[in-house]
Amino acid sequence: MAHDYGLFIGGEERPARSGAVTGVRSPATGGVIGHVAEAGEGDVADAVTAAVSAARGWAATARSQRAERLCHLAELVARSAGELAAIGTSDAGRPVTAAKNVDLPLAGEVLTYFAGIAGKTEGRAAPVPGGFVGYSVREPFGVAAGILPWRCPLLQAVWKIAPALAAGNTVVVKPAEQAPLSPMALVRLAREAGIPPGAVNAVPGQDAWRPGTPPGTLLRTGPRASRPGPRSLATVARSSWTWRVSSAMRRSASSAARASAISRIRRISR
């Protein structure tokens, strides 16, 4: 079954401005298993603008409501476990048992955990000289950018999205081009869970070896990301990424080669 996704910007699933679409191939068979829209510079700017527009409203949302939306998303993930496991297996090459018994339960646990954290974020109060009391208040940064690696893509998306939303931030995620389907499925479920338009956006696209500036680089270095700060709701305030995709793949290939050599030695010794 093919899985096709557009860009998720401002609560809508839409094609890229350029109309570009990328085929996603199974690492097992090499066959095309789905398509995703390929974000360009204008699309990334639209996603950041949507996240900025939604930031104040989501930050002002009652913490109990944020928790309720995250719990609903956890329920939808559990309800869609079969489909998400199949996507993770075909998209990222995860063994189906690992997808079903590790990724899906852990994704639900993470969403539920941060739903609980949403209502327990507290500042500090301390006496200061002069008979006064000083206090600190924890406030959302604004817009968070999450650049995802290709390994365990569903969990990587949850680990970026859940804490940001729980803290009152909005999010723009860029899935890895090698395995974008699971994160895109999660973002589609986030819309169904009632998370407001613009709070979660997704801009899949190609890596740096393609012509043009890739979405991940635009999120980190674009003009709207140039002035990070907790009060700056007109910018991407924080970005998070886990290795470069090429670096992670080199590490995995190296590990696989060593494991293969060890396996051969063991077979020979028997």
Protein backbone atom coordinates (compact mmCIF):
# COMPACT_ATOMS: atom_id res chain seq x y z
CA MET A 1 0.00 0.00 0.00
CA ALA A 2 1.38 3.42 -0.97
CA HIS A 3 1.51 6.24 1.57
CA ASP A 4 1.40 9.75 0.14
CA TYR A 5 1.80 12.98 2.11
CA GLY A 6 1.92 16.66 1.34
CA LEU A 7 3.45 19.35 3.52
CA PHE A 8 1.73 20.12 6.82
CA ILE A 9 1.60 23.88 7.23
CA GLY A 10 -0.85 25.85 9.32
CA GLY A 11 -3.14 22.89 9.92
CA GLU A 12 -3.45 22.05 6.23
CA GLU A 13 -1.88 19.31 4.13
CA ARG A 14 -0.82 20.88 0.87
CA PRO A 15 1.56 20.40 -2.06
CA ALA A 16 4.91 22.19 -2.25
CA ARG A 17 4.92 25.55 -4.00
CA SER A 18 7.06 24.07 -6.74
CA GLY A 19 4.88 20.98 -7.04
CA ALA A 20 7.96 18.81 -6.39
CA VAL A 21 7.33 15.31 -5.06
CA THR A 22 9.86 12.74 -3.84
CA GLY A 23 9.40 8.99 -4.03
CA VAL A 24 10.16 7.08 -0.83
CA ARG A 25 11.80 3.70 -1.39
CA SER A 26 11.77 0.63 0.79
CA PRO A 27 15.27 -0.21 2.08
CA ALA A 28 14.37 -3.90 1.73
CA THR A 29 13.10 -4.02 -1.84
CA GLY A 30 14.09 -0.71 -3.37
CA GLY A 31 10.51 -0.25 -4.55
CA VAL A 32 8.57 2.97 -4.16
CA ILE A 33 6.26 2.73 -1.14
CA GLY A 34 5.02 6.30 -0.99
CA HIS A 35 5.52 9.92 -1.97
CA VAL A 36 6.04 13.14 -0.02
CA ALA A 37 5.98 16.73 -1.16
CA GLU A 38 9.44 18.31 -1.32
CA ALA A 39 9.60 21.58 0.60
CA GLY A 40 11.49 24.54 -0.81
CA GLU A 41 12.58 27.83 0.70
CA GLY A 42 9.13 29.41 0.35
CA ASP A 43 7.46 26.42 1.97
CA VAL A 44 9.81 26.50 4.95
CA ALA A 45 9.14 30.23 5.36
CA ASP A 46 5.40 29.51 5.28
CA ALA A 47 5.78 26.80 7.93
CA VAL A 48 7.76 29.07 10.25
CA THR A 49 5.25 31.88 9.72
CA ALA A 50 2.40 29.51 10.59
CA ALA A 51 4.23 28.36 13.72
CA VAL A 52 4.94 31.96 14.75
CA SER A 53 1.28 32.89 14.24
CA ALA A 54 0.13 29.97 16.39
CA ALA A 55 2.77 30.44 19.11
CA ARG A 56 1.02 33.00 21.31
CA GLY A 57 -2.30 31.18 21.21
CA TRP A 58 -0.78 27.81 22.06
CA ALA A 59 1.37 29.33 24.82
CA ALA A 60 -1.79 30.86 26.31
CA THR A 61 -3.69 27.57 26.15
CA ALA A 62 -4.42 26.14 29.59
CA ARG A 63 -1.91 23.50 30.58
CA SER A 64 -4.72 21.03 31.22
CA GLN A 65 -5.87 21.47 27.62
CA ARG A 66 -2.36 20.92 26.28
CA ALA A 67 -2.21 17.73 28.35
CA GLU A 68 -5.61 16.62 27.04
CA ARG A 69 -4.52 17.06 23.40
CA LEU A 70 -1.31 15.10 23.97
CA CYS A 71 -3.25 12.30 25.67
CA HIS A 72 -5.66 12.22 22.73
CA LEU A 73 -2.69 11.97 20.36
CA ALA A 74 -1.36 9.04 22.43
CA GLU A 75 -4.75 7.34 22.07
CA LEU A 76 -4.72 7.84 18.30
CA VAL A 77 -1.20 6.41 18.07
CA ALA A 78 -2.36 3.33 19.98
CA ARG A 79 -5.44 3.03 17.79
CA SER A 80 -3.32 3.28 14.63
CA ALA A 81 -0.60 0.93 15.91
CA GLY A 82 -0.97 -1.62 13.11
CA GLU A 83 -0.69 0.95 10.34
CA LEU A 84 2.17 2.84 12.02
CA ALA A 85 4.09 -0.40 12.58
CA ALA A 86 3.67 -1.32 8.91
CA ILE A 87 4.88 2.12 7.85
CA GLY A 88 7.91 1.93 10.16
CA THR A 89 8.83 -1.49 8.79
CA SER A 90 8.55 -0.56 5.13
CA ASP A 91 9.89 2.98 5.49
CA ALA A 92 12.86 2.62 7.85
CA GLY A 93 13.50 -1.11 7.73
CA ARG A 94 12.52 -1.67 11.36
CA PRO A 95 11.74 -5.31 12.21
CA VAL A 96 7.99 -5.54 12.58
CA THR A 97 8.36 -6.97 16.12
CA ALA A 98 10.48 -3.96 17.14
CA ALA A 99 7.99 -1.55 15.60
CA LYS A 100 5.04 -3.18 17.37
CA ASN A 101 6.62 -4.05 20.70
CA VAL A 102 9.07 -1.17 21.17
CA ASP A 103 8.37 1.87 19.01
CA LEU A 104 4.59 2.08 19.34
CA PRO A 105 4.33 1.46 23.12
CA LEU A 106 7.22 3.83 23.80
CA ALA A 107 5.72 6.54 21.58
CA GLY A 108 2.50 6.37 23.58
CA GLU A 109 4.39 6.44 26.87
CA VAL A 110 6.39 9.51 25.83
CA LEU A 111 3.26 11.41 24.78
CA THR A 112 1.49 10.48 28.02
CA TYR A 113 4.54 11.40 30.11
CA PHE A 114 4.81 14.87 28.61
CA ALA A 115 1.06 15.33 28.92
CA GLY A 116 1.62 14.91 32.66
CA ILE A 117 4.59 17.29 32.61
CA ALA A 118 2.48 19.98 30.91
CA GLY A 119 0.61 20.71 34.13
CA LYS A 120 3.60 20.50 36.44
CA THR A 121 5.98 23.12 35.04
CA GLU A 122 6.69 25.48 37.92
CA GLY A 123 8.95 28.42 38.65
CA ARG A 124 10.77 29.19 41.89
CA ALA A 125 10.26 31.65 44.73
CA ALA A 126 13.07 32.77 47.03
CA PRO A 127 13.49 35.50 49.64
CA VAL A 128 15.80 38.38 48.72
CA PRO A 129 17.29 41.14 50.90
CA GLY A 130 14.97 43.93 51.94
CA GLY A 131 12.03 41.76 52.88
CA PHE A 132 11.09 41.01 49.28
CA VAL A 133 10.41 37.72 47.55
CA GLY A 134 11.81 37.03 44.10
CA TYR A 135 10.23 34.50 41.80
CA SER A 136 10.90 32.98 38.42
CA VAL A 137 8.37 31.95 35.80
CA ARG A 138 8.96 29.35 33.09
CA GLU A 139 7.72 30.59 29.72
CA PRO A 140 7.62 28.99 26.25
CA PHE A 141 10.44 29.92 23.88
CA GLY A 142 8.11 30.24 20.89
CA VAL A 143 8.94 28.16 17.80
CA ALA A 144 11.05 24.99 17.97
CA ALA A 145 12.59 23.34 14.92
CA GLY A 146 13.12 19.57 15.01
CA ILE A 147 15.43 18.00 12.40
CA LEU A 148 14.95 14.25 12.49
CA PRO A 149 17.39 11.43 11.70
CA TRP A 150 16.36 8.35 9.73
CA ARG A 151 16.68 5.78 12.53
CA CYS A 152 13.50 5.06 14.53
CA PRO A 153 11.72 7.95 12.78
CA LEU A 154 8.43 7.70 14.71
CA LEU A 155 10.18 7.89 18.08
CA GLN A 156 12.45 10.69 16.88
CA ALA A 157 9.38 12.71 15.89
CA VAL A 158 7.66 12.07 19.22
CA TRP A 159 10.80 13.00 21.17
CA LYS A 160 10.93 16.36 19.36
CA ILE A 161 7.22 17.20 19.23
CA ALA A 162 5.88 16.08 22.63
CA PRO A 163 8.16 18.12 24.96
CA ALA A 164 7.86 21.22 22.77
CA LEU A 165 4.07 21.12 22.77
CA ALA A 166 3.89 20.32 26.48
CA ALA A 167 5.94 23.43 27.26
CA GLY A 168 3.69 25.63 25.10
CA ASN A 169 5.95 25.89 22.05
CA THR A 170 4.96 25.36 18.44
CA VAL A 171 7.01 23.07 16.19
CA VAL A 172 8.33 22.75 12.67
CA VAL A 173 9.79 19.30 11.96
CA LYS A 174 11.90 18.23 9.03
CA PRO A 175 11.84 14.42 8.60
CA ALA A 176 14.82 12.59 7.15
CA GLU A 177 14.40 12.09 3.42
CA GLN A 178 15.23 8.38 3.78
CA ALA A 179 12.35 7.73 6.22
CA PRO A 180 9.77 10.52 6.24
CA LEU A 181 6.55 8.49 6.32
CA SER A 182 6.23 7.73 10.04
CA PRO A 183 6.75 11.36 11.15
CA MET A 184 4.28 12.54 8.52
CA ALA A 185 1.71 10.02 9.73
CA LEU A 186 2.22 11.28 13.30
CA VAL A 187 1.71 14.91 12.25
CA ARG A 188 -1.49 13.92 10.45
CA LEU A 189 -2.70 12.30 13.67
CA ALA A 190 -1.76 15.44 15.63
CA ARG A 191 -4.21 17.40 13.52
CA GLU A 192 -6.88 14.78 14.22
CA ALA A 193 -6.10 15.01 17.95
CA GLY A 194 -7.22 18.65 17.95
CA ILE A 195 -3.81 20.27 18.22
CA PRO A 196 -4.51 23.72 16.73
CA PRO A 197 -3.44 24.79 13.22
CA GLY A 198 0.17 25.91 13.07
CA ALA A 199 1.20 24.27 16.34
CA VAL A 200 2.76 21.32 14.49
CA ASN A 201 4.15 21.73 10.96
CA ALA A 202 6.19 19.36 8.79
CA VAL A 203 8.42 20.19 5.82
CA PRO A 204 10.01 17.06 4.31
CA GLY A 205 12.72 17.60 1.73
CA GLN A 206 16.07 16.57 0.36
CA ASP A 207 19.47 16.65 2.04
CA ALA A 208 22.34 18.98 1.26
CA TRP A 209 23.66 17.04 -1.73
CA ARG A 210 20.60 18.10 -3.75
CA PRO A 211 20.57 21.44 -5.62
CA GLY A 212 19.28 24.32 -3.50
CA THR A 213 19.24 24.84 0.24
CA PRO A 214 17.68 21.92 2.13
CA PRO A 215 14.83 22.57 4.59
CA GLY A 216 16.89 21.55 7.61
CA THR A 217 19.54 24.16 6.83
CA LEU A 218 16.88 26.80 6.22
CA LEU A 219 15.34 26.09 9.62
CA ARG A 220 18.70 26.50 11.36
CA THR A 221 20.18 29.40 9.40
CA GLY A 222 17.34 31.16 7.59
CA PRO A 223 16.52 34.83 8.26
CA ARG A 224 13.73 33.98 10.71
CA ALA A 225 16.12 31.81 12.71
CA SER A 226 18.86 34.41 13.01
CA ARG A 227 17.81 36.00 16.32
CA PRO A 228 17.05 33.21 18.82
CA GLY A 229 15.67 34.17 22.20
CA PRO A 230 12.91 33.30 24.66
CA ARG A 231 10.94 36.47 23.91
CA SER A 232 11.40 36.36 20.15
CA LEU A 233 8.17 34.91 18.77
CA ALA A 234 9.09 36.21 15.31
CA THR A 235 11.92 33.69 14.99
CA VAL A 236 12.76 30.04 15.42
CA ALA A 237 13.80 30.21 19.05
CA ARG A 238 15.36 26.77 19.40
CA SER A 239 16.38 23.98 17.06
CA SER A 240 17.15 20.34 17.80
CA TRP A 241 18.68 17.66 15.62
CA THR A 242 20.30 14.30 16.10
CA TRP A 243 23.52 13.88 14.06
CA ARG A 244 23.68 14.41 10.34
CA VAL A 245 21.89 11.76 8.35
CA SER A 246 25.04 10.98 6.34
CA SER A 247 27.08 10.63 9.54
CA ALA A 248 24.52 8.32 11.14
CA MET A 249 24.36 6.16 8.02
CA ARG A 250 28.15 5.88 7.90
CA ARG A 251 28.19 4.80 11.54
CA SER A 252 25.47 2.21 10.91
CA ALA A 253 27.22 0.88 7.80
CA SER A 254 30.47 0.58 9.74
CA SER A 255 28.72 -1.24 12.59
CA ALA A 256 26.97 -3.56 10.15
CA ALA A 257 30.27 -4.41 8.45
CA ARG A 258 31.89 -5.26 11.79
CA ALA A 259 28.88 -7.32 12.87
CA SER A 260 28.96 -9.20 9.55
CA ALA A 261 32.66 -9.97 9.97
CA ILE A 262 32.10 -11.22 13.53
CA SER A 263 29.21 -13.37 12.32
CA ARG A 264 31.40 -14.94 9.62
CA ILE A 265 34.16 -15.70 12.11
CA ARG A 266 31.70 -17.36 14.45
CA ARG A 267 30.25 -19.50 11.68
CA ILE A 268 33.71 -20.55 10.55
CA SER A 269 34.75 -21.50 14.10
CA ARG A 270 31.86 -23.88 14.62
